[in-house]
Amino acid sequence: MNLKEVGDFSKTSKTSIGTIQKINFGFAQGCRDRCRIGSMASFTIQREEECGCETYQEADSVLLRLQLTVQGYFDGLEKLSGNQLTQYDLSGPKRVMVEGDFGDWRISPQETEAYNQLARVIVNASTDAFRRKRLSQYIEEANAPLLALLEKMEIVLRGNLQGILDNRKSRLYGYFQRLTFSENLSDFETGMATKIYYEELDEIKKIEAQIATSSTALRKISEAHQVLFDNRRRLTGKDLKAFTKQYQSDLSDLIVAFNQLSQ
């Protein structure tokens, strides 16, 4: 069987999902920004910064675990499609996910089960001597929890992380607007403050574009995997190979776009 296209798609999917980790912003960073902008507005200087961002750090950690586990699945898919399954990087699935609140978002019991179910699929594949003849079973067992986790990550990015960024944008606007209205600033100082504000705004727009690019990749991966699931009994079909190759091309374009935003 020639499953090169499935392997190539899996490899590109791993890289696309990895862009999440490269976004120049996170929940803990958003918490610290909120704290610092408040300190700037009130002219408050502390010997040690006291922002209480532990839950937001945990949010970043949980999002990373979701990312690593989904990448672990596609690592297995790549190896299975190439009949090269030796061992997995199980850094993602080793720990059981538990429900809870993480900053401004939460993991529900259903999402917890999806994570743990996908982790079991990955671990089983690494220990049960899977081969290509069982590739369809691997795809079948993983599809539902995988799509649930891809959707969750997209919601966290487009909704929660973007919301934190919107909050940063709003606070910066309020701070710099009050600053430029101050009668204590010279025209030069007011101009410099305006310049700094728009530089900050440019950086926020770049981060927004990174979030949108990574989110779009997650959606495309989800759509493509559903097609693999629907056609899991005939993965070598000519039409499916062409479809998989097109999705791989689309994801490659998104990776290039993301890397350009990171420069």
Protein backbone atom coordinates (compact mmCIF):
# COMPACT_ATOMS: atom_id res chain seq x y z
CA MET A 1 0.00 0.00 0.00
CA ASN A 2 1.19 3.51 -0.78
CA LEU A 3 0.24 5.63 2.20
CA LYS A 4 2.85 8.34 1.67
CA GLU A 5 0.21 11.06 1.43
CA VAL A 6 -1.27 10.06 4.80
CA GLY A 7 2.21 10.15 6.33
CA ASP A 8 3.02 13.52 4.79
CA PHE A 9 -0.30 14.95 5.96
CA SER A 10 0.37 13.65 9.49
CA LYS A 11 3.83 15.21 9.57
CA THR A 12 2.53 18.57 8.36
CA SER A 13 -0.31 18.41 10.89
CA LYS A 14 2.22 17.96 13.70
CA THR A 15 4.12 21.04 12.55
CA SER A 16 0.91 23.08 12.20
CA ILE A 17 -0.23 22.18 15.72
CA GLY A 18 3.23 23.10 17.01
CA THR A 19 2.68 26.73 15.93
CA ILE A 20 0.42 27.13 18.98
CA GLN A 21 3.46 26.90 21.20
CA LYS A 22 5.18 29.61 19.14
CA ILE A 23 2.46 32.23 19.52
CA ASN A 24 4.13 35.27 21.11
CA PHE A 25 1.52 35.49 23.84
CA GLY A 26 -0.07 33.29 26.46
CA PHE A 27 -2.46 33.34 29.39
CA ALA A 28 0.24 34.00 31.98
CA GLN A 29 1.67 36.79 29.83
CA GLY A 30 -1.79 38.34 29.55
CA CYS A 31 -2.16 38.21 33.33
CA ARG A 32 1.22 39.88 33.86
CA ASP A 33 0.41 42.54 31.25
CA ARG A 34 -2.85 43.36 33.02
CA CYS A 35 -1.00 43.68 36.30
CA ARG A 36 1.76 45.86 34.87
CA ILE A 37 -0.53 48.20 32.98
CA GLY A 38 -2.46 48.70 36.23
CA SER A 39 0.80 49.48 38.05
CA MET A 40 1.80 51.94 35.32
CA ALA A 41 -1.57 53.70 35.55
CA SER A 42 -1.34 54.03 39.34
CA PHE A 43 2.44 54.69 39.41
CA THR A 44 2.87 51.69 41.70
CA ILE A 45 6.32 50.11 42.04
CA GLN A 46 6.75 46.93 44.08
CA ARG A 47 9.97 45.24 45.12
CA GLU A 48 8.51 41.95 43.89
CA GLU A 49 5.73 41.79 41.33
CA GLU A 50 2.57 40.35 42.89
CA CYS A 51 0.15 39.48 40.12
CA GLY A 52 -1.25 36.11 41.21
CA CYS A 53 -0.97 34.51 37.77
CA GLU A 54 -0.68 30.89 38.92
CA THR A 55 -4.00 29.77 37.41
CA TYR A 56 -3.05 31.39 34.10
CA GLN A 57 0.28 29.58 34.14
CA GLU A 58 -1.68 26.37 34.64
CA ALA A 59 -3.87 27.33 31.67
CA ASP A 60 -0.76 27.57 29.48
CA SER A 61 0.40 24.22 30.83
CA VAL A 62 -2.91 22.48 30.10
CA LEU A 63 -3.06 23.91 26.58
CA LEU A 64 0.47 22.60 25.98
CA ARG A 65 -0.57 19.14 27.19
CA LEU A 66 -3.49 19.14 24.76
CA GLN A 67 -1.16 20.18 21.98
CA LEU A 68 1.45 17.50 22.77
CA THR A 69 -1.15 14.76 22.98
CA VAL A 70 -2.70 15.65 19.62
CA GLN A 71 0.78 15.85 18.12
CA GLY A 72 1.49 12.43 19.64
CA TYR A 73 -1.49 11.01 17.79
CA PHE A 74 -0.29 12.37 14.44
CA ASP A 75 3.22 11.11 15.19
CA GLY A 76 1.69 7.65 15.51
CA LEU A 77 -0.34 8.11 12.34
CA GLU A 78 2.80 9.09 10.45
CA LYS A 79 4.71 6.05 11.68
CA LEU A 80 1.85 3.63 11.10
CA SER A 81 1.32 4.86 7.55
CA GLY A 82 5.01 4.28 6.86
CA ASN A 83 5.14 0.95 8.70
CA GLN A 84 7.88 2.40 10.89
CA LEU A 85 6.22 2.28 14.29
CA THR A 86 8.93 1.72 16.87
CA GLN A 87 8.12 3.91 19.83
CA TYR A 88 6.26 7.10 20.60
CA ASP A 89 7.15 10.28 22.34
CA LEU A 90 4.64 9.85 25.15
CA SER A 91 5.40 13.15 26.88
CA GLY A 92 1.81 14.26 26.27
CA PRO A 93 -0.30 11.23 27.22
CA LYS A 94 1.63 10.16 30.32
CA ARG A 95 -0.50 12.21 32.69
CA VAL A 96 -4.25 11.85 33.10
CA MET A 97 -6.27 15.00 32.44
CA VAL A 98 -8.71 16.16 35.10
CA GLU A 99 -11.56 18.62 34.77
CA GLY A 100 -11.20 22.07 36.29
CA ASP A 101 -10.96 25.81 35.81
CA PHE A 102 -7.81 27.27 34.28
CA GLY A 103 -7.84 31.04 34.25
CA ASP A 104 -10.75 32.15 32.09
CA TRP A 105 -11.59 28.71 30.67
CA ARG A 106 -12.24 25.21 31.92
CA ILE A 107 -11.91 21.57 30.94
CA SER A 108 -15.31 19.85 31.13
CA PRO A 109 -15.84 16.20 32.07
CA GLN A 110 -16.55 15.40 28.41
CA GLU A 111 -13.31 17.06 27.30
CA THR A 112 -11.43 15.27 30.07
CA GLU A 113 -12.73 11.94 28.77
CA ALA A 114 -11.81 12.90 25.19
CA TYR A 115 -8.23 13.64 26.25
CA ASN A 116 -7.88 10.45 28.27
CA GLN A 117 -9.48 8.39 25.49
CA LEU A 118 -7.09 9.73 22.86
CA ALA A 119 -4.17 9.15 25.23
CA ARG A 120 -5.24 5.51 25.61
CA VAL A 121 -5.40 5.08 21.82
CA ILE A 122 -1.84 6.42 21.51
CA VAL A 123 -0.44 4.32 24.34
CA ASN A 124 -2.17 1.16 23.07
CA ALA A 125 -0.72 1.70 19.61
CA SER A 126 2.76 2.00 21.08
CA THR A 127 2.50 -1.26 23.01
CA ASP A 128 0.27 -3.52 20.91
CA ALA A 129 2.58 -3.91 17.91
CA PHE A 130 0.30 -2.03 15.51
CA ARG A 131 1.02 -2.25 11.78
CA ARG A 132 -0.48 -0.69 8.70
CA LYS A 133 -3.21 -3.30 8.52
CA ARG A 134 -4.54 -1.77 11.76
CA LEU A 135 -4.19 1.84 10.64
CA SER A 136 -7.93 2.09 9.99
CA GLN A 137 -8.62 0.96 13.57
CA TYR A 138 -6.22 3.61 14.91
CA ILE A 139 -8.03 6.32 12.94
CA GLU A 140 -11.44 4.98 13.94
CA GLU A 141 -10.76 4.88 17.68
CA ALA A 142 -9.10 8.30 17.71
CA ASN A 143 -11.47 10.30 15.52
CA ALA A 144 -14.12 11.36 18.05
CA PRO A 145 -11.78 12.38 20.90
CA LEU A 146 -9.32 13.94 18.45
CA LEU A 147 -11.98 16.18 16.89
CA ALA A 148 -13.19 17.14 20.37
CA LEU A 149 -9.68 18.22 21.41
CA LEU A 150 -9.02 20.07 18.15
CA GLU A 151 -12.29 21.95 18.63
CA LYS A 152 -11.40 22.72 22.26
CA MET A 153 -8.01 24.13 21.30
CA GLU A 154 -9.59 26.26 18.59
CA ILE A 155 -12.13 27.65 21.09
CA VAL A 156 -9.36 28.36 23.61
CA LEU A 157 -7.36 30.23 20.97
CA ARG A 158 -10.11 32.14 19.16
CA GLY A 159 -12.20 32.76 22.25
CA ASN A 160 -10.22 32.73 25.49
CA LEU A 161 -6.73 33.74 24.37
CA GLN A 162 -8.11 36.31 21.94
CA GLY A 163 -10.27 37.62 24.79
CA ILE A 164 -7.19 38.11 26.99
CA LEU A 165 -5.54 39.94 24.10
CA ASP A 166 -8.63 42.14 23.63
CA ASN A 167 -8.40 43.01 27.31
CA ARG A 168 -4.75 43.99 26.86
CA LYS A 169 -5.68 46.15 23.88
CA SER A 170 -8.45 47.88 25.83
CA ARG A 171 -6.24 48.58 28.86
CA LEU A 172 -3.43 49.95 26.70
CA TYR A 173 -5.88 52.23 24.92
CA GLY A 174 -7.24 53.58 28.20
CA TYR A 175 -3.78 54.07 29.68
CA PHE A 176 -2.26 55.87 26.70
CA GLN A 177 -5.36 57.97 26.13
CA ARG A 178 -5.23 59.28 29.70
CA LEU A 179 -1.48 59.79 29.36
CA THR A 180 -1.71 61.86 26.18
CA PHE A 181 -4.47 64.01 27.68
CA SER A 182 -2.21 64.93 30.58
CA GLU A 183 -1.22 68.63 30.68
CA ASN A 184 2.08 67.65 32.31
CA LEU A 185 3.49 66.22 29.07
CA SER A 186 5.26 68.26 26.45
CA ASP A 187 4.26 67.95 22.81
CA PHE A 188 7.34 65.80 22.22
CA GLU A 189 6.48 63.48 25.13
CA THR A 190 2.90 63.20 23.93
CA GLY A 191 4.14 62.32 20.45
CA MET A 192 6.48 59.66 21.84
CA ALA A 193 3.65 58.16 23.91
CA THR A 194 1.50 58.03 20.78
CA LYS A 195 4.32 56.32 18.89
CA ILE A 196 4.75 53.70 21.64
CA TYR A 197 1.00 53.03 21.68
CA TYR A 198 0.84 52.30 17.96
CA GLU A 199 3.93 50.10 18.17
CA GLU A 200 2.16 48.11 20.90
CA LEU A 201 -0.93 47.95 18.69
CA ASP A 202 1.12 46.61 15.77
CA GLU A 203 2.48 43.86 18.01
CA ILE A 204 -1.03 42.94 19.15
CA LYS A 205 -2.22 42.73 15.54
CA LYS A 206 0.66 40.38 14.75
CA ILE A 207 -0.30 38.14 17.68
CA GLU A 208 -3.95 38.20 16.56
CA ALA A 209 -2.84 37.04 13.12
CA GLN A 210 -0.81 34.21 14.71
CA ILE A 211 -3.85 33.11 16.71
CA ALA A 212 -6.06 33.20 13.62
CA THR A 213 -3.52 31.24 11.55
CA SER A 214 -3.09 28.49 14.17
CA SER A 215 -6.86 28.29 14.66
CA THR A 216 -7.47 27.93 10.93
CA ALA A 217 -4.92 25.10 10.83
CA LEU A 218 -6.75 23.28 13.63
CA ARG A 219 -10.02 23.55 11.72
CA LYS A 220 -8.46 22.22 8.51
CA ILE A 221 -6.82 19.32 10.35
CA SER A 222 -10.17 18.43 11.89
CA GLU A 223 -11.92 18.49 8.50
CA ALA A 224 -9.19 16.39 6.88
CA HIS A 225 -9.18 13.79 9.65
CA GLN A 226 -12.94 13.41 9.38
CA VAL A 227 -12.46 12.56 5.70
CA LEU A 228 -9.76 10.02 6.66
CA PHE A 229 -12.20 8.52 9.15
CA ASP A 230 -14.99 8.34 6.56
CA ASN A 231 -12.61 6.62 4.12
CA ARG A 232 -10.57 4.58 6.62
CA ARG A 233 -11.33 1.32 4.74
CA ARG A 234 -9.86 2.62 1.48
CA LEU A 235 -6.97 4.89 2.40
CA THR A 236 -5.13 4.20 -0.85
CA GLY A 237 -7.94 5.50 -3.05
CA LYS A 238 -6.79 7.93 -5.73
CA ASP A 239 -9.37 10.59 -4.83
CA LEU A 240 -8.47 10.40 -1.14
CA LYS A 241 -4.77 10.70 -1.89
CA ALA A 242 -5.42 13.87 -3.92
CA PHE A 243 -7.62 15.27 -1.15
CA THR A 244 -5.02 14.55 1.54
CA LYS A 245 -2.31 16.13 -0.57
CA GLN A 246 -4.41 19.29 -0.98
CA TYR A 247 -4.93 19.61 2.77
CA GLN A 248 -1.23 19.10 3.31
CA SER A 249 -0.56 21.93 0.86
CA ASP A 250 -3.04 24.22 2.64
CA LEU A 251 -1.43 23.50 6.00
CA SER A 252 2.04 24.13 4.57
CA ASP A 253 0.86 27.55 3.37
CA LEU A 254 -0.44 28.32 6.87
CA ILE A 255 2.88 27.27 8.41
CA VAL A 256 4.72 29.63 6.05
CA ALA A 257 2.30 32.44 6.90
CA PHE A 258 2.78 31.84 10.64
CA ASN A 259 6.58 31.83 10.33
CA GLN A 260 6.46 35.12 8.43
CA LEU A 261 4.42 36.64 11.26
CA SER A 262 7.04 35.46 13.76
CA GLN A 263 9.89 37.28 12.04
